[in-house]
Structures are given as C-alpha cells and as structure tokens.
Amino acid sequence: MCYIIPLTIILIINGFKIAKKISIPNFNRLNFLMLGGVTMLVVDHLWNGELLLIGQNIINDLSLGFIMSGVVIIAWKIINLLEKKQALVKVQKTGLDNLDN
C-alpha cells in the first residue's frame, strides 16, 4: 500500500499539468523520480511475498509512502538547486572570460 501515496501524487501533479493549472520546473524529472519511488516500493512488496501488494500493517505502509514521497521531493528540489547554482557559475565564468578578451 505504500506505493499508493507517490502514485497519487503523480496523478494529481499530472492532472494539474494537463489542465495547465500549475507550472512546475523540471516536471519530467519529478515524474521520473516519483515513478522510480513507486517502482521500488512495489518491488519491496513483491520481495517480501506480499503478492497482492498489501502489507500486514497498512498504517506503516502509508507512513512509508509519505516518507518516500517526501524524500523524493526533497531530492528533486536539491537537484534543481544544484543545477541552478551550476548554471549561475557557468554564466559568471563566461561573463568573466568575455571581460578578459
């Protein structure tokens, strides 16, 4: 059941994106990271012999889904921030190189 939370987030985000209600930078990256999280949570259930993908303790499963979703969103934010910082450094270096010429 833990995979339900990130899967629901994917569906909600995609629904808003299709309706053009929100603009999310690096939207595809977030989608792929969330899908990766969902995949790993489903694999975990199958690995533990839960063929119907429902664990013994549904509350723990749902909590894990929220935690996994939160970790994925935090990782996505960090990746975006690092990418922006790298782009800014590149622009600054390019600007300084142009001044030297």
N, C-alpha and C. Protein backbone atom coordinates (compact mmCIF):
# COMPACT_ATOMS: atom_id res chain seq x y z
N MET A 1 0.80 -1.21 0.00
CA MET A 1 0.00 0.00 0.00
C MET A 1 0.84 1.28 0.00
N CYS A 2 2.13 1.17 0.37
CA CYS A 2 2.95 2.39 0.49
C CYS A 2 3.14 3.08 -0.86
N TYR A 3 3.03 2.34 -1.94
CA TYR A 3 3.21 2.91 -3.28
C TYR A 3 2.01 3.78 -3.70
N ILE A 4 0.91 3.69 -2.97
CA ILE A 4 -0.30 4.45 -3.30
C ILE A 4 -0.06 5.96 -3.16
N ILE A 5 0.68 6.37 -2.15
CA ILE A 5 0.89 7.81 -1.89
C ILE A 5 1.67 8.46 -3.03
N PRO A 6 2.88 7.97 -3.39
CA PRO A 6 3.58 8.63 -4.51
C PRO A 6 2.83 8.50 -5.83
N LEU A 7 2.12 7.40 -6.03
CA LEU A 7 1.32 7.22 -7.25
C LEU A 7 0.20 8.25 -7.30
N THR A 8 -0.43 8.52 -6.17
CA THR A 8 -1.48 9.53 -6.10
C THR A 8 -0.90 10.92 -6.40
N ILE A 9 0.28 11.20 -5.85
CA ILE A 9 0.94 12.48 -6.10
C ILE A 9 1.23 12.64 -7.59
N ILE A 10 1.69 11.59 -8.24
CA ILE A 10 1.96 11.63 -9.68
C ILE A 10 0.67 11.95 -10.44
N LEU A 11 -0.41 11.28 -10.09
CA LEU A 11 -1.68 11.50 -10.79
C LEU A 11 -2.20 12.92 -10.58
N ILE A 12 -2.08 13.44 -9.36
CA ILE A 12 -2.54 14.80 -9.08
C ILE A 12 -1.71 15.82 -9.84
N ILE A 13 -0.39 15.68 -9.78
CA ILE A 13 0.50 16.62 -10.47
C ILE A 13 0.25 16.58 -11.97
N ASN A 14 0.12 15.38 -12.52
CA ASN A 14 -0.14 15.26 -13.96
C ASN A 14 -1.50 15.84 -14.33
N GLY A 15 -2.48 15.66 -13.46
CA GLY A 15 -3.80 16.24 -13.71
C GLY A 15 -3.75 17.75 -13.77
N PHE A 16 -3.05 18.37 -12.80
CA PHE A 16 -2.91 19.83 -12.82
C PHE A 16 -2.09 20.29 -14.02
N LYS A 17 -1.07 19.53 -14.36
CA LYS A 17 -0.22 19.89 -15.51
C LYS A 17 -1.03 19.83 -16.80
N ILE A 18 -1.83 18.80 -16.96
CA ILE A 18 -2.66 18.67 -18.16
C ILE A 18 -3.68 19.81 -18.23
N ALA A 19 -4.25 20.17 -17.08
CA ALA A 19 -5.22 21.26 -17.04
C ALA A 19 -4.54 22.63 -17.10
N LYS A 20 -3.21 22.62 -17.12
CA LYS A 20 -2.41 23.86 -17.19
C LYS A 20 -2.71 24.80 -16.02
N LYS A 21 -2.97 24.21 -14.86
CA LYS A 21 -3.24 25.00 -13.66
C LYS A 21 -1.95 25.36 -12.92
N ILE A 22 -0.88 24.58 -13.13
CA ILE A 22 0.38 24.86 -12.45
C ILE A 22 1.53 24.73 -13.44
N SER A 23 2.62 25.39 -13.11
CA SER A 23 3.84 25.27 -13.89
C SER A 23 4.95 24.78 -12.96
N ILE A 24 5.47 23.61 -13.23
CA ILE A 24 6.50 23.01 -12.39
C ILE A 24 7.79 22.93 -13.19
N PRO A 25 8.85 23.61 -12.70
CA PRO A 25 10.13 23.48 -13.41
C PRO A 25 10.65 22.04 -13.28
N ASN A 26 11.26 21.56 -14.34
CA ASN A 26 11.79 20.19 -14.36
C ASN A 26 10.73 19.16 -13.98
N PHE A 27 9.56 19.34 -14.54
CA PHE A 27 8.40 18.48 -14.25
C PHE A 27 8.70 17.01 -14.59
N ASN A 28 9.32 16.77 -15.74
CA ASN A 28 9.60 15.39 -16.15
C ASN A 28 10.54 14.70 -15.16
N ARG A 29 11.50 15.45 -14.64
CA ARG A 29 12.43 14.87 -13.67
C ARG A 29 11.67 14.43 -12.42
N LEU A 30 10.76 15.27 -11.93
CA LEU A 30 9.97 14.91 -10.75
C LEU A 30 9.13 13.67 -11.04
N ASN A 31 8.53 13.62 -12.22
CA ASN A 31 7.73 12.46 -12.61
C ASN A 31 8.56 11.18 -12.59
N PHE A 32 9.75 11.23 -13.19
CA PHE A 32 10.60 10.04 -13.24
C PHE A 32 11.08 9.63 -11.85
N LEU A 33 11.42 10.60 -11.01
CA LEU A 33 11.85 10.26 -9.65
C LEU A 33 10.71 9.62 -8.87
N MET A 34 9.50 10.17 -8.99
CA MET A 34 8.35 9.59 -8.29
C MET A 34 8.03 8.19 -8.82
N LEU A 35 8.09 8.02 -10.15
CA LEU A 35 7.85 6.70 -10.72
C LEU A 35 8.90 5.69 -10.24
N GLY A 36 10.13 6.15 -10.10
CA GLY A 36 11.18 5.28 -9.56
C GLY A 36 10.86 4.88 -8.13
N GLY A 37 10.36 5.84 -7.34
CA GLY A 37 9.97 5.53 -5.97
C GLY A 37 8.83 4.52 -5.92
N VAL A 38 7.84 4.73 -6.77
CA VAL A 38 6.70 3.79 -6.83
C VAL A 38 7.20 2.39 -7.21
N THR A 39 8.06 2.33 -8.20
CA THR A 39 8.59 1.04 -8.66
C THR A 39 9.32 0.32 -7.53
N MET A 40 10.17 1.06 -6.81
CA MET A 40 10.92 0.43 -5.73
C MET A 40 10.02 -0.03 -4.59
N LEU A 41 8.97 0.72 -4.31
CA LEU A 41 8.04 0.30 -3.26
C LEU A 41 7.26 -0.95 -3.67
N VAL A 42 6.87 -1.03 -4.94
CA VAL A 42 6.19 -2.24 -5.42
C VAL A 42 7.14 -3.43 -5.38
N VAL A 43 8.39 -3.22 -5.79
CA VAL A 43 9.39 -4.30 -5.74
C VAL A 43 9.56 -4.77 -4.29
N ASP A 44 9.58 -3.83 -3.34
CA ASP A 44 9.71 -4.19 -1.93
C ASP A 44 8.58 -5.10 -1.48
N HIS A 45 7.36 -4.76 -1.88
CA HIS A 45 6.21 -5.60 -1.52
C HIS A 45 6.35 -6.99 -2.12
N LEU A 46 6.70 -7.06 -3.39
CA LEU A 46 6.84 -8.36 -4.04
C LEU A 46 7.98 -9.16 -3.42
N TRP A 47 9.06 -8.48 -3.09
CA TRP A 47 10.23 -9.12 -2.48
C TRP A 47 9.85 -9.77 -1.14
N ASN A 48 8.96 -9.11 -0.42
CA ASN A 48 8.55 -9.62 0.89
C ASN A 48 7.36 -10.57 0.82
N GLY A 49 7.01 -11.01 -0.39
CA GLY A 49 5.98 -12.01 -0.56
C GLY A 49 4.56 -11.49 -0.44
N GLU A 50 4.37 -10.21 -0.57
CA GLU A 50 3.04 -9.63 -0.50
C GLU A 50 2.49 -9.50 -1.92
N LEU A 51 2.02 -10.61 -2.44
CA LEU A 51 1.64 -10.69 -3.85
C LEU A 51 0.48 -9.78 -4.21
N LEU A 52 -0.37 -9.47 -3.26
CA LEU A 52 -1.48 -8.55 -3.52
C LEU A 52 -1.07 -7.10 -3.25
N LEU A 53 0.20 -6.91 -2.94
CA LEU A 53 0.77 -5.59 -2.68
C LEU A 53 0.14 -4.88 -1.48
N ILE A 54 -0.39 -5.67 -0.57
CA ILE A 54 -0.94 -5.12 0.67
C ILE A 54 -0.18 -5.75 1.83
N GLY A 55 0.44 -4.91 2.64
CA GLY A 55 1.23 -5.40 3.76
C GLY A 55 0.39 -5.74 4.97
N GLN A 56 1.08 -6.22 6.00
CA GLN A 56 0.42 -6.59 7.26
C GLN A 56 -0.13 -5.36 7.99
N ASN A 57 0.62 -4.28 7.95
CA ASN A 57 0.25 -3.08 8.70
C ASN A 57 0.05 -1.92 7.73
N ILE A 58 -1.17 -1.62 7.42
CA ILE A 58 -1.50 -0.60 6.41
C ILE A 58 -1.04 0.79 6.86
N ILE A 59 -1.14 1.09 8.15
CA ILE A 59 -0.72 2.41 8.65
C ILE A 59 0.79 2.61 8.42
N ASN A 60 1.57 1.58 8.71
CA ASN A 60 3.02 1.68 8.46
C ASN A 60 3.31 1.82 6.97
N ASP A 61 2.57 1.10 6.16
CA ASP A 61 2.75 1.20 4.71
C ASP A 61 2.47 2.61 4.21
N LEU A 62 1.37 3.18 4.65
CA LEU A 62 1.02 4.54 4.22
C LEU A 62 2.04 5.56 4.73
N SER A 63 2.50 5.37 5.96
CA SER A 63 3.54 6.26 6.51
C SER A 63 4.80 6.19 5.66
N LEU A 64 5.18 4.98 5.28
CA LEU A 64 6.35 4.80 4.43
C LEU A 64 6.15 5.49 3.08
N GLY A 65 4.94 5.44 2.55
CA GLY A 65 4.64 6.11 1.29
C GLY A 65 4.80 7.62 1.39
N PHE A 66 4.34 8.20 2.50
CA PHE A 66 4.51 9.64 2.72
C PHE A 66 5.99 10.00 2.87
N ILE A 67 6.71 9.18 3.63
CA ILE A 67 8.14 9.45 3.84
C ILE A 67 8.89 9.34 2.52
N MET A 68 8.63 8.30 1.76
CA MET A 68 9.30 8.10 0.47
C MET A 68 8.99 9.27 -0.48
N SER A 69 7.75 9.71 -0.51
CA SER A 69 7.37 10.83 -1.36
C SER A 69 8.09 12.10 -0.93
N GLY A 70 8.16 12.33 0.37
CA GLY A 70 8.86 13.50 0.88
C GLY A 70 10.33 13.47 0.54
N VAL A 71 10.96 12.33 0.68
CA VAL A 71 12.39 12.19 0.34
C VAL A 71 12.61 12.44 -1.15
N VAL A 72 11.74 11.92 -1.98
CA VAL A 72 11.87 12.12 -3.43
C VAL A 72 11.71 13.60 -3.77
N ILE A 73 10.75 14.27 -3.18
CA ILE A 73 10.54 15.70 -3.46
C ILE A 73 11.74 16.52 -2.97
N ILE A 74 12.27 16.20 -1.80
CA ILE A 74 13.46 16.90 -1.29
C ILE A 74 14.65 16.67 -2.22
N ALA A 75 14.84 15.43 -2.67
CA ALA A 75 15.94 15.14 -3.61
C ALA A 75 15.76 15.92 -4.90
N TRP A 76 14.54 16.00 -5.40
CA TRP A 76 14.25 16.75 -6.63
C TRP A 76 14.58 18.23 -6.45
N LYS A 77 14.19 18.78 -5.28
CA LYS A 77 14.50 20.19 -5.00
C LYS A 77 16.00 20.43 -4.95
N ILE A 78 16.73 19.52 -4.30
CA ILE A 78 18.19 19.66 -4.20
C ILE A 78 18.83 19.59 -5.58
N ILE A 79 18.38 18.65 -6.40
CA ILE A 79 18.91 18.54 -7.77
C ILE A 79 18.66 19.83 -8.53
N ASN A 80 17.46 20.40 -8.42
CA ASN A 80 17.14 21.65 -9.11
C ASN A 80 18.01 22.80 -8.62
N LEU A 81 18.22 22.89 -7.30
CA LEU A 81 19.06 23.96 -6.75
C LEU A 81 20.51 23.82 -7.21
N LEU A 82 21.02 22.60 -7.21
CA LEU A 82 22.40 22.38 -7.67
C LEU A 82 22.54 22.71 -9.15
N GLU A 83 21.53 22.38 -9.93
CA GLU A 83 21.55 22.68 -11.36
C GLU A 83 21.54 24.20 -11.59
N LYS A 84 20.72 24.93 -10.82
CA LYS A 84 20.68 26.39 -10.93
C LYS A 84 22.02 27.00 -10.55
N LYS A 85 22.59 26.49 -9.45
CA LYS A 85 23.88 27.01 -9.00
C LYS A 85 24.96 26.76 -10.05
N GLN A 86 24.95 25.58 -10.64
CA GLN A 86 25.93 25.25 -11.68
C GLN A 86 25.74 26.17 -12.89
N ALA A 87 24.51 26.43 -13.26
CA ALA A 87 24.25 27.33 -14.40
C ALA A 87 24.70 28.74 -14.08
N LEU A 88 24.49 29.19 -12.85
CA LEU A 88 24.92 30.53 -12.45
C LEU A 88 26.43 30.65 -12.48
N VAL A 89 27.12 29.65 -11.98
CA VAL A 89 28.59 29.66 -12.00
C VAL A 89 29.08 29.68 -13.44
N LYS A 90 28.44 28.93 -14.31
CA LYS A 90 28.83 28.89 -15.71
C LYS A 90 28.65 30.27 -16.36
N VAL A 91 27.54 30.93 -16.06
CA VAL A 91 27.28 32.27 -16.60
C VAL A 91 28.32 33.26 -16.07
N GLN A 92 28.63 33.16 -14.79
CA GLN A 92 29.61 34.07 -14.20
C GLN A 92 30.99 33.85 -14.83
N LYS A 93 31.38 32.60 -15.03
CA LYS A 93 32.67 32.31 -15.65
C LYS A 93 32.70 32.81 -17.09
N THR A 94 31.61 32.60 -17.80
CA THR A 94 31.53 33.06 -19.18
C THR A 94 31.62 34.59 -19.24
N GLY A 95 30.95 35.25 -18.31
CA GLY A 95 31.00 36.71 -18.26
C GLY A 95 32.40 37.21 -17.97
N LEU A 96 33.09 36.57 -17.03
CA LEU A 96 34.46 36.97 -16.70
C LEU A 96 35.40 36.70 -17.86
N ASP A 97 35.21 35.58 -18.54
CA ASP A 97 36.06 35.27 -19.71
C ASP A 97 35.86 36.30 -20.79
N ASN A 98 34.63 36.76 -20.99
CA ASN A 98 34.35 37.76 -22.02
C ASN A 98 35.00 39.11 -21.67
N LEU A 99 35.07 39.44 -20.39
CA LEU A 99 35.69 40.69 -19.98
C LEU A 99 37.21 40.68 -20.22
N ASP A 100 37.80 39.49 -20.08
CA ASP A 100 39.26 39.37 -20.28
C ASP A 100 39.65 39.54 -21.74
N ASN A 101 38.75 39.23 -22.66
CA ASN A 101 39.06 39.32 -24.08
C ASN A 101 38.90 40.71 -24.51
